[in-house]
Amino acid sequence: MSARSNQPLRAAGLQLGYGRRIVVDGLDLDIQPGLVTTIIGPNGCGKSTLLRAFGRLLEPKAGEVVLDGKAISQWRRRDIAQRLGLLPQSPLAPEGLTVAELVARGRHPHQSWLRQWSADDADEVNKALQLTGITDLADRCLDELSGGQRQRAWISMALAQGTGILLLDEPTTYLDLAHSVEVLDLIDRLHSELGRTVVMVLHDLNLAVRYSDRLIVMRDGHIVAAGPPAEIITEEMLFAVFGLEAAVIDDPVSDRPLIVPIGTRHVIDATDRKPRRAAQEGTQ
């Protein structure tokens, strides 16, 4: 499939908010091309807000998003859609829409009154269906599919756009663990085989660690850490950012950090020491 890979995307002095409420303030971030970057952080820290700004769904109050060396506000929306694909949380489609019809919508940015639907568009749709493994579902209605199948259909639509950058806001929302792994395996394969730059927001920290080349940790609208999972995931960071008492061990499958949450009924070590939070509460 045709795609513009290695498109630089960055935020410079970004301030974002809704009305008078500021959610992200003074944020600088470079998205490294060709990697899977996942943004993590507690609820309300600005993860999805940042992704919306990257997709030009939210206008900055200050600063700018830069796409391919030019402020994204200076791009025509059609040109942005040819370079950057965005899959929001819980996307909606008209009732009765088939999978093939949904995926075909990914070709709209490449069409105009001078260039209507063509054999090339049909080829791109077929390739997207094949890559996501849902060719046999092409004539099925979206509302007849399982959650995992629907997510594959939406990702297929984003692929049909032929963009070098994919922005995915909680692609595993409402999916059970098996379907979450299925969707993330698909994203990982598309990244490795097609060279897509992927930016995701995920809540499941262990899945974020396993499927990411780079993690961006946010808290209160700011970036507090960025880098490879092995460098970012520490017990101290988890407690400072998420208020999560956890042990970090080696994952026997991926050889990456594995986060093991510690509840108040559990002990940290053989000396029967209380979890840090419980110990702190006991001193108050």
C-alpha atoms as a PDB file:
ATOM      1  CA  MET A   1       0.000   0.000   0.000  1.00  0.00           C
ATOM      2  CA  SER A   2       1.201   3.502  -0.701  1.00  0.00           C
ATOM      3  CA  ALA A   3       2.160   5.519   2.334  1.00  0.00           C
ATOM      4  CA  ARG A   4       4.279   8.491   3.291  1.00  0.00           C
ATOM      5  CA  SER A   5       6.396   7.048   6.078  1.00  0.00           C
ATOM      6  CA  ASN A   6       8.840   9.002   8.221  1.00  0.00           C
ATOM      7  CA  GLN A   7       6.624  12.080   8.409  1.00  0.00           C
ATOM      8  CA  PRO A   8       7.897  14.186  11.343  1.00  0.00           C
ATOM      9  CA  LEU A   9       5.275  15.172  13.905  1.00  0.00           C
ATOM     10  CA  ARG A  10       5.973  17.329  16.937  1.00  0.00           C
ATOM     11  CA  ALA A  11       4.450  19.636  19.505  1.00  0.00           C
ATOM     12  CA  ALA A  12       6.117  22.940  20.378  1.00  0.00           C
ATOM     13  CA  GLY A  13       5.073  24.911  23.457  1.00  0.00           C
ATOM     14  CA  LEU A  14       1.613  23.373  23.210  1.00  0.00           C
ATOM     15  CA  GLN A  15      -1.177  24.669  25.437  1.00  0.00           C
ATOM     16  CA  LEU A  16      -4.517  22.877  25.155  1.00  0.00           C
ATOM     17  CA  GLY A  17      -7.799  23.140  26.971  1.00  0.00           C
ATOM     18  CA  TYR A  18     -11.559  23.438  26.878  1.00  0.00           C
ATOM     19  CA  GLY A  19     -13.019  26.854  27.585  1.00  0.00           C
ATOM     20  CA  ARG A  20     -11.053  28.347  30.458  1.00  0.00           C
ATOM     21  CA  ARG A  21      -9.786  24.981  31.688  1.00  0.00           C
ATOM     22  CA  ILE A  22      -6.188  24.270  30.688  1.00  0.00           C
ATOM     23  CA  VAL A  23      -5.419  20.567  30.283  1.00  0.00           C
ATOM     24  CA  VAL A  24      -1.974  20.632  28.641  1.00  0.00           C
ATOM     25  CA  ASP A  25       0.429  23.497  29.199  1.00  0.00           C
ATOM     26  CA  GLY A  26       3.811  24.261  27.611  1.00  0.00           C
ATOM     27  CA  LEU A  27       4.298  20.775  26.182  1.00  0.00           C
ATOM     28  CA  ASP A  28       7.165  19.937  23.811  1.00  0.00           C
ATOM     29  CA  LEU A  29       7.294  16.521  22.162  1.00  0.00           C
ATOM     30  CA  ASP A  30       8.945  14.990  19.102  1.00  0.00           C
ATOM     31  CA  ILE A  31       7.344  11.842  17.685  1.00  0.00           C
ATOM     32  CA  GLN A  32      10.169   9.679  16.417  1.00  0.00           C
ATOM     33  CA  PRO A  33       9.457   8.299  12.929  1.00  0.00           C
ATOM     34  CA  GLY A  34       9.084   4.580  12.360  1.00  0.00           C
ATOM     35  CA  LEU A  35       8.389   3.716  16.002  1.00  0.00           C
ATOM     36  CA  VAL A  36       5.371   2.704  18.061  1.00  0.00           C
ATOM     37  CA  THR A  37       5.010   5.424  20.686  1.00  0.00           C
ATOM     38  CA  THR A  38       2.458   4.993  23.465  1.00  0.00           C
ATOM     39  CA  ILE A  39       1.262   7.783  25.734  1.00  0.00           C
ATOM     40  CA  ILE A  40       0.407   6.661  29.256  1.00  0.00           C
ATOM     41  CA  GLY A  41      -0.703   8.483  32.375  1.00  0.00           C
ATOM     42  CA  PRO A  42      -3.534   8.708  34.915  1.00  0.00           C
ATOM     43  CA  ASN A  43      -7.051   9.669  33.878  1.00  0.00           C
ATOM     44  CA  GLY A  44      -7.436  13.351  33.047  1.00  0.00           C
ATOM     45  CA  CYS A  45      -3.733  14.003  32.490  1.00  0.00           C
ATOM     46  CA  GLY A  46      -4.213  15.129  28.865  1.00  0.00           C
ATOM     47  CA  LYS A  47      -3.367  12.026  26.827  1.00  0.00           C
ATOM     48  CA  SER A  48      -6.401  12.022  24.541  1.00  0.00           C
ATOM     49  CA  THR A  49      -6.413  15.814  24.407  1.00  0.00           C
ATOM     50  CA  LEU A  50      -2.860  15.738  23.058  1.00  0.00           C
ATOM     51  CA  LEU A  51      -3.790  13.125  20.460  1.00  0.00           C
ATOM     52  CA  ARG A  52      -6.752  15.260  19.340  1.00  0.00           C
ATOM     53  CA  ALA A  53      -4.415  18.203  18.829  1.00  0.00           C
ATOM     54  CA  PHE A  54      -2.052  16.024  16.791  1.00  0.00           C
ATOM     55  CA  GLY A  55      -5.023  15.130  14.574  1.00  0.00           C
ATOM     56  CA  ARG A  56      -6.117  18.793  14.305  1.00  0.00           C
ATOM     57  CA  LEU A  57      -9.383  18.090  16.072  1.00  0.00           C
ATOM     58  CA  LEU A  58      -8.499  20.587  18.799  1.00  0.00           C
ATOM     59  CA  GLU A  59      -7.006  24.011  18.165  1.00  0.00           C
ATOM     60  CA  PRO A  60      -4.158  24.951  20.519  1.00  0.00           C
ATOM     61  CA  LYS A  61      -4.558  27.946  22.806  1.00  0.00           C
ATOM     62  CA  ALA A  62      -0.821  28.526  22.416  1.00  0.00           C
ATOM     63  CA  GLY A  63       2.084  26.833  20.698  1.00  0.00           C
ATOM     64  CA  GLU A  64       1.672  24.625  17.656  1.00  0.00           C
ATOM     65  CA  VAL A  65       1.650  21.133  16.214  1.00  0.00           C
ATOM     66  CA  VAL A  66       4.137  20.729  13.384  1.00  0.00           C
ATOM     67  CA  LEU A  67       3.596  18.181  10.620  1.00  0.00           C
ATOM     68  CA  ASP A  68       6.299  17.626   8.014  1.00  0.00           C
ATOM     69  CA  GLY A  69       8.048  20.843   8.967  1.00  0.00           C
ATOM     70  CA  LYS A  70       4.963  23.078   8.747  1.00  0.00           C
ATOM     71  CA  ALA A  71       2.413  24.132  11.344  1.00  0.00           C
ATOM     72  CA  ILE A  72      -0.553  21.802  11.049  1.00  0.00           C
ATOM     73  CA  SER A  73      -2.883  24.800  11.014  1.00  0.00           C
ATOM     74  CA  GLN A  74      -1.373  25.764   7.641  1.00  0.00           C
ATOM     75  CA  TRP A  75      -2.228  22.451   6.005  1.00  0.00           C
ATOM     76  CA  ARG A  76      -5.461  21.865   4.134  1.00  0.00           C
ATOM     77  CA  ARG A  77      -7.533  19.213   5.914  1.00  0.00           C
ATOM     78  CA  ARG A  78      -7.450  16.996   2.837  1.00  0.00           C
ATOM     79  CA  ASP A  79      -3.643  17.149   2.790  1.00  0.00           C
ATOM     80  CA  ILE A  80      -3.494  16.294   6.505  1.00  0.00           C
ATOM     81  CA  ALA A  81      -5.761  13.285   5.914  1.00  0.00           C
ATOM     82  CA  GLN A  82      -3.362  12.052   3.236  1.00  0.00           C
ATOM     83  CA  ARG A  83      -0.494  12.104   5.730  1.00  0.00           C
ATOM     84  CA  LEU A  84      -2.065  11.302   9.078  1.00  0.00           C
ATOM     85  CA  GLY A  85      -4.804   8.868  10.070  1.00  0.00           C
ATOM     86  CA  LEU A  86      -6.691   9.231  13.353  1.00  0.00           C
ATOM     87  CA  LEU A  87      -8.823   6.578  15.031  1.00  0.00           C
ATOM     88  CA  PRO A  88     -10.662   8.163  17.999  1.00  0.00           C
ATOM     89  CA  GLN A  89     -12.112   6.378  21.005  1.00  0.00           C
ATOM     90  CA  SER A  90     -15.365   4.550  20.270  1.00  0.00           C
ATOM     91  CA  PRO A  91     -15.786   5.785  16.662  1.00  0.00           C
ATOM     92  CA  LEU A  92     -19.328   5.857  15.304  1.00  0.00           C
ATOM     93  CA  ALA A  93     -20.622   4.873  11.872  1.00  0.00           C
ATOM     94  CA  PRO A  94     -24.056   5.206  10.240  1.00  0.00           C
ATOM     95  CA  GLU A  95     -26.397   2.299  10.933  1.00  0.00           C
ATOM     96  CA  GLY A  96     -26.298  -0.422   8.299  1.00  0.00           C
ATOM     97  CA  LEU A  97     -22.836   0.484   6.970  1.00  0.00           C
ATOM     98  CA  THR A  98     -20.889  -2.530   5.733  1.00  0.00           C
ATOM     99  CA  VAL A  99     -17.228  -3.163   6.425  1.00  0.00           C
ATOM    100  CA  ALA A 100     -16.304  -2.532   2.786  1.00  0.00           C
ATOM    101  CA  GLU A 101     -18.223   0.750   2.768  1.00  0.00           C
ATOM    102  CA  LEU A 102     -16.472   1.868   5.946  1.00  0.00           C
ATOM    103  CA  VAL A 103     -13.014   1.022   4.628  1.00  0.00           C
ATOM    104  CA  ALA A 104     -13.793   2.796   1.335  1.00  0.00           C
ATOM    105  CA  ARG A 105     -14.270   6.010   3.298  1.00  0.00           C
ATOM    106  CA  GLY A 106     -10.554   5.951   3.944  1.00  0.00           C
ATOM    107  CA  ARG A 107     -10.046   6.807   0.275  1.00  0.00           C
ATOM    108  CA  HIS A 108     -12.073  10.048   0.425  1.00  0.00           C
ATOM    109  CA  PRO A 109      -9.014  12.281   1.059  1.00  0.00           C
ATOM    110  CA  HIS A 110      -7.563  11.091  -2.252  1.00  0.00           C
ATOM    111  CA  GLN A 111     -10.620  11.988  -4.281  1.00  0.00           C
ATOM    112  CA  SER A 112     -12.014  15.203  -5.709  1.00  0.00           C
ATOM    113  CA  TRP A 113     -14.464  16.280  -8.376  1.00  0.00           C
ATOM    114  CA  LEU A 114     -11.611  15.767 -10.847  1.00  0.00           C
ATOM    115  CA  ARG A 115     -10.591  12.403  -9.437  1.00  0.00           C
ATOM    116  CA  GLN A 116     -13.466  10.085  -8.632  1.00  0.00           C
ATOM    117  CA  TRP A 117     -13.404   6.476  -7.407  1.00  0.00           C
ATOM    118  CA  SER A 118     -10.875   4.456  -9.391  1.00  0.00           C
ATOM    119  CA  ALA A 119      -9.442   0.973  -9.706  1.00  0.00           C
ATOM    120  CA  ASP A 120      -6.506   2.150  -7.562  1.00  0.00           C
ATOM    121  CA  ASP A 121      -8.917   3.042  -4.753  1.00  0.00           C
ATOM    122  CA  ALA A 122     -10.529  -0.385  -4.982  1.00  0.00           C
ATOM    123  CA  ASP A 123      -7.081  -2.005  -4.818  1.00  0.00           C
ATOM    124  CA  GLU A 124      -6.171  -0.009  -1.697  1.00  0.00           C
ATOM    125  CA  VAL A 125      -9.408  -1.051   0.010  1.00  0.00           C
ATOM    126  CA  ASN A 126      -8.825  -4.714  -0.850  1.00  0.00           C
ATOM    127  CA  LYS A 127      -5.242  -4.544   0.427  1.00  0.00           C
ATOM    128  CA  ALA A 128      -6.389  -2.963   3.688  1.00  0.00           C
ATOM    129  CA  LEU A 129      -8.993  -5.701   4.186  1.00  0.00           C
ATOM    130  CA  GLN A 130      -6.380  -8.374   3.477  1.00  0.00           C
ATOM    131  CA  LEU A 131      -3.800  -6.867   5.835  1.00  0.00           C
ATOM    132  CA  THR A 132      -6.279  -6.798   8.705  1.00  0.00           C
ATOM    133  CA  GLY A 133      -7.603 -10.272   7.910  1.00  0.00           C
ATOM    134  CA  ILE A 134     -11.248  -9.271   7.411  1.00  0.00           C
ATOM    135  CA  THR A 135     -11.779  -9.796   3.673  1.00  0.00           C
ATOM    136  CA  ASP A 136     -14.450 -12.375   4.486  1.00  0.00           C
ATOM    137  CA  LEU A 137     -16.321  -9.720   6.503  1.00  0.00           C
ATOM    138  CA  ALA A 138     -16.447  -7.122   3.711  1.00  0.00           C
ATOM    139  CA  ASP A 139     -20.203  -7.469   3.119  1.00  0.00           C
ATOM    140  CA  ARG A 140     -21.155  -7.717   6.803  1.00  0.00           C
ATOM    141  CA  CYS A 141     -22.713  -4.780   8.652  1.00  0.00           C
ATOM    142  CA  LEU A 142     -20.526  -3.250  11.349  1.00  0.00           C
ATOM    143  CA  ASP A 143     -23.202  -3.659  14.000  1.00  0.00           C
ATOM    144  CA  GLU A 144     -23.169  -7.443  13.434  1.00  0.00           C
ATOM    145  CA  LEU A 145     -19.484  -7.791  14.341  1.00  0.00           C
ATOM    146  CA  SER A 146     -17.681  -8.520  17.581  1.00  0.00           C
ATOM    147  CA  GLY A 147     -15.709  -5.752  19.261  1.00  0.00           C
ATOM    148  CA  GLY A 148     -12.403  -7.088  17.954  1.00  0.00           C
ATOM    149  CA  GLN A 149     -13.739  -7.393  14.416  1.00  0.00           C
ATOM    150  CA  ARG A 150     -15.068  -3.833  14.499  1.00  0.00           C
ATOM    151  CA  GLN A 151     -11.706  -2.506  15.642  1.00  0.00           C
ATOM    152  CA  ARG A 152     -10.049  -4.340  12.757  1.00  0.00           C
ATOM    153  CA  ALA A 153     -12.521  -2.704  10.376  1.00  0.00           C
ATOM    154  CA  TRP A 154     -11.765   0.779  11.700  1.00  0.00           C
ATOM    155  CA  ILE A 155      -8.011   0.144  11.534  1.00  0.00           C
ATOM    156  CA  SER A 156      -8.519  -1.110   7.996  1.00  0.00           C
ATOM    157  CA  MET A 157     -10.181   2.192   7.114  1.00  0.00           C
ATOM    158  CA  ALA A 158      -7.222   4.097   8.551  1.00  0.00           C
ATOM    159  CA  LEU A 159      -4.861   1.923   6.506  1.00  0.00           C
ATOM    160  CA  ALA A 160      -6.822   2.611   3.331  1.00  0.00           C
ATOM    161  CA  GLN A 161      -5.968   6.289   3.783  1.00  0.00           C
ATOM    162  CA  GLY A 162      -2.380   5.371   2.938  1.00  0.00           C
ATOM    163  CA  THR A 163      -0.901   7.585   5.645  1.00  0.00           C
ATOM    164  CA  GLY A 164       2.542   7.285   7.162  1.00  0.00           C
ATOM    165  CA  ILE A 165       1.321   8.165  10.654  1.00  0.00           C
ATOM    166  CA  LEU A 166      -1.457   6.441  12.599  1.00  0.00           C
ATOM    167  CA  LEU A 167      -2.911   8.032  15.735  1.00  0.00           C
ATOM    168  CA  LEU A 168      -4.901   5.528  17.799  1.00  0.00           C
ATOM    169  CA  ASP A 169      -6.796   6.678  20.868  1.00  0.00           C
ATOM    170  CA  GLU A 170      -7.456   3.678  23.105  1.00  0.00           C
ATOM    171  CA  PRO A 171      -7.715   1.092  20.289  1.00  0.00           C
ATOM    172  CA  THR A 172      -8.507  -1.617  22.870  1.00  0.00           C
ATOM    173  CA  THR A 173     -11.387   0.218  24.590  1.00  0.00           C
ATOM    174  CA  TYR A 174     -14.177  -2.155  25.692  1.00  0.00           C
ATOM    175  CA  LEU A 175     -12.248  -5.207  24.444  1.00  0.00           C
ATOM    176  CA  ASP A 176     -11.461  -8.216  26.600  1.00  0.00           C
ATOM    177  CA  LEU A 177      -7.837  -9.236  27.026  1.00  0.00           C
ATOM    178  CA  ALA A 178      -7.812 -11.749  24.160  1.00  0.00           C
ATOM    179  CA  HIS A 179      -9.254  -9.239  21.683  1.00  0.00           C
ATOM    180  CA  SER A 180      -6.953  -6.502  23.010  1.00  0.00           C
ATOM    181  CA  VAL A 181      -3.924  -8.662  22.289  1.00  0.00           C
ATOM    182  CA  GLU A 182      -5.365  -9.505  18.870  1.00  0.00           C
ATOM    183  CA  VAL A 183      -5.739  -5.833  17.935  1.00  0.00           C
ATOM    184  CA  LEU A 184      -2.303  -4.871  19.286  1.00  0.00           C
ATOM    185  CA  ASP A 185      -0.711  -7.800  17.445  1.00  0.00           C
ATOM    186  CA  LEU A 186      -2.292  -6.416  14.282  1.00  0.00           C
ATOM    187  CA  ILE A 187      -0.979  -2.904  14.960  1.00  0.00           C
ATOM    188  CA  ASP A 188       2.476  -4.321  15.668  1.00  0.00           C
ATOM    189  CA  ARG A 189       2.455  -6.268  12.408  1.00  0.00           C
ATOM    190  CA  LEU A 190       1.334  -3.248  10.390  1.00  0.00           C
ATOM    191  CA  HIS A 191       4.113  -1.209  11.962  1.00  0.00           C
ATOM    192  CA  SER A 192       6.814  -3.794  11.324  1.00  0.00           C
ATOM    193  CA  GLU A 193       5.718  -4.782   7.801  1.00  0.00           C
ATOM    194  CA  LEU A 194       4.601  -1.403   6.474  1.00  0.00           C
ATOM    195  CA  GLY A 195       6.855   0.931   8.446  1.00  0.00           C
ATOM    196  CA  ARG A 196       4.004   2.982   9.860  1.00  0.00           C
ATOM    197  CA  THR A 197       4.713   5.487  12.618  1.00  0.00           C
ATOM    198  CA  VAL A 198       2.156   4.708  15.339  1.00  0.00           C
ATOM    199  CA  VAL A 199       1.147   6.921  18.251  1.00  0.00           C
ATOM    200  CA  MET A 200      -1.270   5.292  20.713  1.00  0.00           C
ATOM    201  CA  VAL A 201      -2.967   6.093  23.979  1.00  0.00           C
ATOM    202  CA  LEU A 202      -3.365   3.025  26.212  1.00  0.00           C
ATOM    203  CA  HIS A 203      -4.557   2.532  29.784  1.00  0.00           C
ATOM    204  CA  ASP A 204      -3.260  -1.009  30.226  1.00  0.00           C
ATOM    205  CA  LEU A 205       0.309  -0.404  31.344  1.00  0.00           C
ATOM    206  CA  ASN A 206       1.593  -3.932  30.739  1.00  0.00           C
ATOM    207  CA  LEU A 207       0.229  -3.972  27.181  1.00  0.00           C
ATOM    208  CA  ALA A 208       1.763  -0.543  26.605  1.00  0.00           C
ATOM    209  CA  VAL A 209       5.136  -1.852  27.772  1.00  0.00           C
ATOM    210  CA  ARG A 210       4.941  -4.965  25.617  1.00  0.00           C
ATOM    211  CA  TYR A 211       3.841  -3.312  22.369  1.00  0.00           C
ATOM    212  CA  SER A 212       5.747  -0.004  22.425  1.00  0.00           C
ATOM    213  CA  ASP A 213       9.177   1.097  21.274  1.00  0.00           C
ATOM    214  CA  ARG A 214       8.847   4.323  23.247  1.00  0.00           C
ATOM    215  CA  LEU A 215       6.681   5.456  26.151  1.00  0.00           C
ATOM    216  CA  ILE A 216       5.571   9.003  26.907  1.00  0.00           C
ATOM    217  CA  VAL A 217       4.478   9.406  30.537  1.00  0.00           C
ATOM    218  CA  MET A 218       2.123  12.306  31.277  1.00  0.00           C
ATOM    219  CA  ARG A 219       0.869  13.781  34.529  1.00  0.00           C
ATOM    220  CA  ASP A 220      -1.186  16.953  35.006  1.00  0.00           C
ATOM    221  CA  GLY A 221      -0.729  18.025  31.387  1.00  0.00           C
ATOM    222  CA  HIS A 222       3.041  17.665  31.360  1.00  0.00           C
ATOM    223  CA  ILE A 223       5.510  15.028  30.203  1.00  0.00           C
ATOM    224  CA  VAL A 224       7.406  13.580  33.151  1.00  0.00           C
ATOM    225  CA  ALA A 225       9.317  10.822  31.360  1.00  0.00           C
ATOM    226  CA  ALA A 226       9.988   9.584  27.824  1.00  0.00           C
ATOM    227  CA  GLY A 227      12.040   6.725  26.459  1.00  0.00           C
ATOM    228  CA  PRO A 228      12.175   2.939  25.963  1.00  0.00           C
ATOM    229  CA  PRO A 229       9.954   0.932  28.353  1.00  0.00           C
ATOM    230  CA  ALA A 230      12.934  -0.688  30.074  1.00  0.00           C
ATOM    231  CA  GLU A 231      14.228   2.746  31.075  1.00  0.00           C
ATOM    232  CA  ILE A 232      10.882   4.297  31.968  1.00  0.00           C
ATOM    233  CA  ILE A 233       9.044   1.671  33.997  1.00  0.00           C
ATOM    234  CA  THR A 234      10.244   1.744  37.595  1.00  0.00           C
ATOM    235  CA  GLU A 235       8.494   1.232  40.900  1.00  0.00           C
ATOM    236  CA  GLU A 236       9.280   4.826  41.842  1.00  0.00           C
ATOM    237  CA  MET A 237       7.742   6.235  38.647  1.00  0.00           C
ATOM    238  CA  LEU A 238       4.586   4.150  39.016  1.00  0.00           C
ATOM    239  CA  PHE A 239       4.034   5.417  42.543  1.00  0.00           C
ATOM    240  CA  ALA A 240       4.882   9.052  41.753  1.00  0.00           C
ATOM    241  CA  VAL A 241       2.714   9.267  38.604  1.00  0.00           C
ATOM    242  CA  PHE A 242      -0.109   6.780  39.168  1.00  0.00           C
ATOM    243  CA  GLY A 243      -0.081   6.418  42.953  1.00  0.00           C
ATOM    244  CA  LEU A 244       0.377   2.716  42.231  1.00  0.00           C
ATOM    245  CA  GLU A 245       2.243   0.459  44.602  1.00  0.00           C
ATOM    246  CA  ALA A 246       3.764  -2.254  42.409  1.00  0.00           C
ATOM    247  CA  ALA A 247       6.673  -4.565  41.916  1.00  0.00           C
ATOM    248  CA  VAL A 248       8.483  -4.419  38.568  1.00  0.00           C
ATOM    249  CA  ILE A 249       9.929  -7.744  37.450  1.00  0.00           C
ATOM    250  CA  ASP A 250      11.231  -9.214  34.198  1.00  0.00           C
ATOM    251  CA  ASP A 251       8.463 -10.433  31.899  1.00  0.00           C
ATOM    252  CA  PRO A 252       9.287 -14.101  31.131  1.00  0.00           C
ATOM    253  CA  VAL A 253       7.655 -13.782  27.678  1.00  0.00           C
ATOM    254  CA  SER A 254       8.783 -10.419  26.316  1.00  0.00           C
ATOM    255  CA  ASP A 255      11.909  -9.840  28.430  1.00  0.00           C
ATOM    256  CA  ARG A 256      10.541  -6.391  29.226  1.00  0.00           C
ATOM    257  CA  PRO A 257       9.377  -4.935  32.533  1.00  0.00           C
ATOM    258  CA  LEU A 258       6.259  -6.541  33.978  1.00  0.00           C
ATOM    259  CA  ILE A 259       4.177  -4.536  36.434  1.00  0.00           C
ATOM    260  CA  VAL A 260       2.709  -6.483  39.353  1.00  0.00           C
ATOM    261  CA  PRO A 261       0.286  -4.293  41.353  1.00  0.00           C
ATOM    262  CA  ILE A 262       0.388  -4.614  45.142  1.00  0.00           C
ATOM    263  CA  GLY A 263      -2.871  -4.219  47.045  1.00  0.00           C
ATOM    264  CA  THR A 264      -3.198  -3.397  50.709  1.00  0.00           C
ATOM    265  CA  ARG A 265      -3.779  -7.071  51.552  1.00  0.00           C
ATOM    266  CA  HIS A 266      -0.418  -8.030  50.062  1.00  0.00           C
ATOM    267  CA  VAL A 267       3.105  -7.656  51.360  1.00  0.00           C
ATOM    268  CA  ILE A 268       6.127  -6.422  49.440  1.00  0.00           C
ATOM    269  CA  ASP A 269       8.770  -8.842  50.682  1.00  0.00           C
ATOM    270  CA  ALA A 270       9.431 -11.700  53.020  1.00  0.00           C
ATOM    271  CA  THR A 271       9.875  -9.383  56.013  1.00  0.00           C
ATOM    272  CA  ASP A 272       6.122  -8.702  55.943  1.00  0.00           C
ATOM    273  CA  ARG A 273       6.752  -5.000  55.303  1.00  0.00           C
ATOM    274  CA  LYS A 274       3.588  -3.054  54.498  1.00  0.00           C
ATOM    275  CA  PRO A 275       3.123  -1.453  51.085  1.00  0.00           C
ATOM    276  CA  ARG A 276       4.488   2.073  50.909  1.00  0.00           C
ATOM    277  CA  ARG A 277       1.069   3.719  50.813  1.00  0.00           C
ATOM    278  CA  ALA A 278      -0.168   1.801  53.857  1.00  0.00           C
ATOM    279  CA  ALA A 279       3.047   2.634  55.714  1.00  0.00           C
ATOM    280  CA  GLN A 280       2.662   6.333  54.909  1.00  0.00           C
ATOM    281  CA  GLU A 281      -0.983   6.338  56.025  1.00  0.00           C
ATOM    282  CA  GLY A 282       0.035   4.708  59.271  1.00  0.00           C
ATOM    283  CA  THR A 283       2.369   7.591  60.099  1.00  0.00           C
ATOM    284  CA  GLN A 284      -0.286  10.270  59.618  1.00  0.00           C
END
